[in-house]
Amino acid sequence: MKVYIIQSELDDSNYVGMSKNESERLKAHNSGKVKSTKSKRPWRIIYVEEIGTLAQARKREKYLKSAAGRRFRKTLGH
């Protein structure tokens, strides 16, 4: 499982998610199939982290969405 961060080319906002295949997931984000990211297309991947299990990936995703994780995300993509 992988945790990924994508960044909007429209306004530099980012989105944290998890998937087994981040490139296929990026295609879904950019084709408008993901409701929460549809309005800020196009997206580009700025970070991918390989995580062992689904439970570990969920925990890491939750961290990246926290205040500490947001500080980490600000260092990416520029």
N, C-alpha and C. Protein backbone atom coordinates (compact mmCIF):
# COMPACT_ATOMS: atom_id res chain seq x y z
N MET A 1 0.85 -1.18 0.00
CA MET A 1 0.00 0.00 0.00
C MET A 1 0.89 1.24 0.00
N LYS A 2 0.41 2.29 -0.64
CA LYS A 2 1.18 3.53 -0.71
C LYS A 2 0.32 4.71 -0.25
N VAL A 3 0.97 5.65 0.40
CA VAL A 3 0.33 6.92 0.75
C VAL A 3 0.94 7.94 -0.20
N TYR A 4 0.09 8.80 -0.75
CA TYR A 4 0.58 9.77 -1.73
C TYR A 4 0.04 11.15 -1.41
N ILE A 5 0.76 12.15 -1.91
CA ILE A 5 0.31 13.53 -1.82
C ILE A 5 0.33 14.08 -3.23
N ILE A 6 -0.80 14.65 -3.64
CA ILE A 6 -0.86 15.30 -4.95
C ILE A 6 -1.08 16.79 -4.72
N GLN A 7 -0.61 17.57 -5.69
CA GLN A 7 -0.74 19.03 -5.59
C GLN A 7 -1.49 19.55 -6.80
N SER A 8 -2.40 20.46 -6.55
CA SER A 8 -3.17 21.07 -7.62
C SER A 8 -2.30 22.07 -8.38
N GLU A 9 -2.30 21.97 -9.68
CA GLU A 9 -1.58 22.95 -10.50
C GLU A 9 -2.36 24.25 -10.60
N LEU A 10 -3.60 24.20 -10.18
CA LEU A 10 -4.48 25.37 -10.23
C LEU A 10 -4.17 26.35 -9.09
N ASP A 11 -4.07 25.82 -7.85
CA ASP A 11 -3.88 26.73 -6.72
C ASP A 11 -2.86 26.23 -5.67
N ASP A 12 -2.08 25.21 -6.03
CA ASP A 12 -1.05 24.66 -5.14
C ASP A 12 -1.58 23.97 -3.88
N SER A 13 -2.89 23.77 -3.76
CA SER A 13 -3.41 23.02 -2.62
C SER A 13 -3.00 21.56 -2.79
N ASN A 14 -3.05 20.79 -1.70
CA ASN A 14 -2.70 19.39 -1.87
C ASN A 14 -3.71 18.47 -1.22
N TYR A 15 -3.61 17.21 -1.59
CA TYR A 15 -4.55 16.18 -1.18
C TYR A 15 -3.73 14.95 -0.79
N VAL A 16 -4.10 14.34 0.32
CA VAL A 16 -3.42 13.13 0.80
C VAL A 16 -4.36 11.95 0.60
N GLY A 17 -3.83 10.87 0.05
CA GLY A 17 -4.64 9.68 -0.15
C GLY A 17 -3.78 8.44 -0.08
N MET A 18 -4.42 7.29 -0.27
CA MET A 18 -3.67 6.04 -0.30
C MET A 18 -4.23 5.15 -1.39
N SER A 19 -3.35 4.33 -1.95
CA SER A 19 -3.72 3.47 -3.06
C SER A 19 -2.64 2.43 -3.26
N LYS A 20 -2.99 1.35 -3.93
CA LYS A 20 -1.97 0.37 -4.30
C LYS A 20 -1.20 0.85 -5.51
N ASN A 21 -1.86 1.65 -6.35
CA ASN A 21 -1.24 2.14 -7.58
C ASN A 21 -1.49 3.64 -7.71
N GLU A 22 -0.52 4.43 -7.28
CA GLU A 22 -0.72 5.89 -7.24
C GLU A 22 -0.85 6.51 -8.63
N SER A 23 -0.24 5.92 -9.67
CA SER A 23 -0.38 6.51 -11.01
C SER A 23 -1.80 6.34 -11.54
N GLU A 24 -2.39 5.17 -11.29
CA GLU A 24 -3.78 4.96 -11.71
C GLU A 24 -4.71 5.87 -10.92
N ARG A 25 -4.40 6.04 -9.65
CA ARG A 25 -5.23 6.91 -8.80
C ARG A 25 -5.12 8.37 -9.27
N LEU A 26 -3.93 8.78 -9.69
CA LEU A 26 -3.76 10.13 -10.22
C LEU A 26 -4.63 10.33 -11.46
N LYS A 27 -4.68 9.31 -12.31
CA LYS A 27 -5.55 9.39 -13.50
C LYS A 27 -7.00 9.60 -13.10
N ALA A 28 -7.44 8.92 -12.05
CA ALA A 28 -8.81 9.08 -11.56
C ALA A 28 -9.04 10.51 -11.05
N HIS A 29 -8.07 11.04 -10.31
CA HIS A 29 -8.18 12.43 -9.82
C HIS A 29 -8.26 13.40 -11.00
N ASN A 30 -7.41 13.22 -11.99
CA ASN A 30 -7.35 14.16 -13.12
C ASN A 30 -8.49 14.01 -14.11
N SER A 31 -9.17 12.87 -14.10
CA SER A 31 -10.29 12.70 -15.02
C SER A 31 -11.61 13.13 -14.38
N GLY A 32 -11.56 13.57 -13.12
CA GLY A 32 -12.76 14.08 -12.46
C GLY A 32 -13.58 13.01 -11.77
N LYS A 33 -13.05 11.82 -11.59
CA LYS A 33 -13.80 10.72 -10.97
C LYS A 33 -13.78 10.77 -9.45
N VAL A 34 -12.97 11.67 -8.88
CA VAL A 34 -12.89 11.80 -7.42
C VAL A 34 -13.55 13.13 -7.05
N LYS A 35 -14.69 13.02 -6.38
CA LYS A 35 -15.51 14.19 -6.08
C LYS A 35 -14.74 15.29 -5.35
N SER A 36 -13.93 14.90 -4.36
CA SER A 36 -13.26 15.91 -3.53
C SER A 36 -12.12 16.65 -4.23
N THR A 37 -11.65 16.14 -5.37
CA THR A 37 -10.54 16.80 -6.06
C THR A 37 -10.93 17.31 -7.45
N LYS A 38 -12.15 17.07 -7.84
CA LYS A 38 -12.60 17.39 -9.20
C LYS A 38 -12.42 18.87 -9.56
N SER A 39 -12.70 19.76 -8.62
CA SER A 39 -12.71 21.19 -8.93
C SER A 39 -11.32 21.82 -9.04
N LYS A 40 -10.28 21.10 -8.62
CA LYS A 40 -8.95 21.71 -8.62
C LYS A 40 -7.99 21.03 -9.58
N ARG A 41 -8.52 20.40 -10.60
CA ARG A 41 -7.67 19.73 -11.60
C ARG A 41 -6.90 20.76 -12.41
N PRO A 42 -5.75 20.42 -12.94
CA PRO A 42 -5.04 19.14 -12.89
C PRO A 42 -4.18 19.00 -11.64
N TRP A 43 -3.87 17.74 -11.32
CA TRP A 43 -3.06 17.38 -10.16
C TRP A 43 -1.75 16.75 -10.61
N ARG A 44 -0.73 16.85 -9.75
CA ARG A 44 0.53 16.15 -10.00
C ARG A 44 0.98 15.52 -8.69
N ILE A 45 1.63 14.38 -8.78
CA ILE A 45 2.13 13.70 -7.59
C ILE A 45 3.39 14.42 -7.10
N ILE A 46 3.41 14.73 -5.81
CA ILE A 46 4.60 15.37 -5.25
C ILE A 46 5.29 14.50 -4.21
N TYR A 47 4.61 13.43 -3.76
CA TYR A 47 5.21 12.57 -2.73
C TYR A 47 4.52 11.22 -2.72
N VAL A 48 5.31 10.15 -2.61
CA VAL A 48 4.78 8.79 -2.48
C VAL A 48 5.60 8.07 -1.43
N GLU A 49 4.92 7.36 -0.57
CA GLU A 49 5.59 6.60 0.48
C GLU A 49 5.02 5.18 0.50
N GLU A 50 5.89 4.21 0.37
CA GLU A 50 5.49 2.80 0.43
C GLU A 50 5.25 2.43 1.90
N ILE A 51 4.07 1.90 2.19
CA ILE A 51 3.71 1.52 3.56
C ILE A 51 3.31 0.04 3.53
N GLY A 52 3.65 -0.70 4.57
CA GLY A 52 3.40 -2.14 4.59
C GLY A 52 1.95 -2.54 4.47
N THR A 53 1.17 -2.31 5.50
CA THR A 53 -0.21 -2.82 5.53
C THR A 53 -1.21 -1.68 5.34
N LEU A 54 -2.46 -2.07 5.11
CA LEU A 54 -3.53 -1.09 4.98
C LEU A 54 -3.68 -0.29 6.28
N ALA A 55 -3.61 -0.96 7.41
CA ALA A 55 -3.74 -0.27 8.71
C ALA A 55 -2.62 0.75 8.91
N GLN A 56 -1.39 0.37 8.55
CA GLN A 56 -0.26 1.30 8.68
C GLN A 56 -0.44 2.48 7.72
N ALA A 57 -0.93 2.21 6.52
CA ALA A 57 -1.15 3.28 5.54
C ALA A 57 -2.21 4.25 6.04
N ARG A 58 -3.28 3.74 6.64
CA ARG A 58 -4.33 4.61 7.19
C ARG A 58 -3.77 5.51 8.29
N LYS A 59 -2.92 4.92 9.13
CA LYS A 59 -2.32 5.68 10.23
C LYS A 59 -1.42 6.80 9.68
N ARG A 60 -0.62 6.48 8.67
CA ARG A 60 0.27 7.47 8.06
C ARG A 60 -0.54 8.56 7.35
N GLU A 61 -1.60 8.16 6.65
CA GLU A 61 -2.47 9.13 5.97
C GLU A 61 -3.08 10.08 7.00
N LYS A 62 -3.54 9.54 8.11
CA LYS A 62 -4.13 10.37 9.16
C LYS A 62 -3.09 11.37 9.71
N TYR A 63 -1.85 10.91 9.91
CA TYR A 63 -0.79 11.80 10.36
C TYR A 63 -0.55 12.92 9.35
N LEU A 64 -0.48 12.58 8.08
CA LEU A 64 -0.19 13.59 7.05
C LEU A 64 -1.31 14.63 6.94
N LYS A 65 -2.51 14.28 7.43
CA LYS A 65 -3.62 15.23 7.42
C LYS A 65 -3.68 16.05 8.71
N SER A 66 -2.83 15.71 9.68
CA SER A 66 -2.80 16.43 10.97
C SER A 66 -2.02 17.73 10.82
N ALA A 67 -1.97 18.50 11.90
CA ALA A 67 -1.21 19.77 11.88
C ALA A 67 0.27 19.52 11.61
N ALA A 68 0.84 18.52 12.26
CA ALA A 68 2.26 18.20 12.04
C ALA A 68 2.49 17.74 10.60
N GLY A 69 1.57 16.96 10.10
CA GLY A 69 1.66 16.49 8.72
C GLY A 69 1.53 17.63 7.72
N ARG A 70 0.68 18.59 8.01
CA ARG A 70 0.55 19.76 7.13
C ARG A 70 1.85 20.56 7.08
N ARG A 71 2.52 20.66 8.22
CA ARG A 71 3.82 21.36 8.22
C ARG A 71 4.81 20.61 7.32
N PHE A 72 4.83 19.29 7.41
CA PHE A 72 5.69 18.48 6.54
C PHE A 72 5.32 18.69 5.07
N ARG A 73 4.03 18.69 4.76
CA ARG A 73 3.57 18.84 3.37
C ARG A 73 3.98 20.19 2.79
N LYS A 74 4.08 21.22 3.62
CA LYS A 74 4.47 22.54 3.11
C LYS A 74 5.90 22.54 2.57
N THR A 75 6.72 21.58 3.00
CA THR A 75 8.10 21.52 2.52
C THR A 75 8.19 20.83 1.16
N LEU A 76 7.11 20.26 0.68
CA LEU A 76 7.11 19.51 -0.59
C LEU A 76 6.57 20.36 -1.74
N GLY A 77 6.95 19.98 -2.93
CA GLY A 77 6.30 20.50 -4.12
C GLY A 77 6.71 21.88 -4.60
N HIS A 78 7.70 22.50 -3.97
CA HIS A 78 8.10 23.83 -4.45
C HIS A 78 9.57 23.86 -4.75
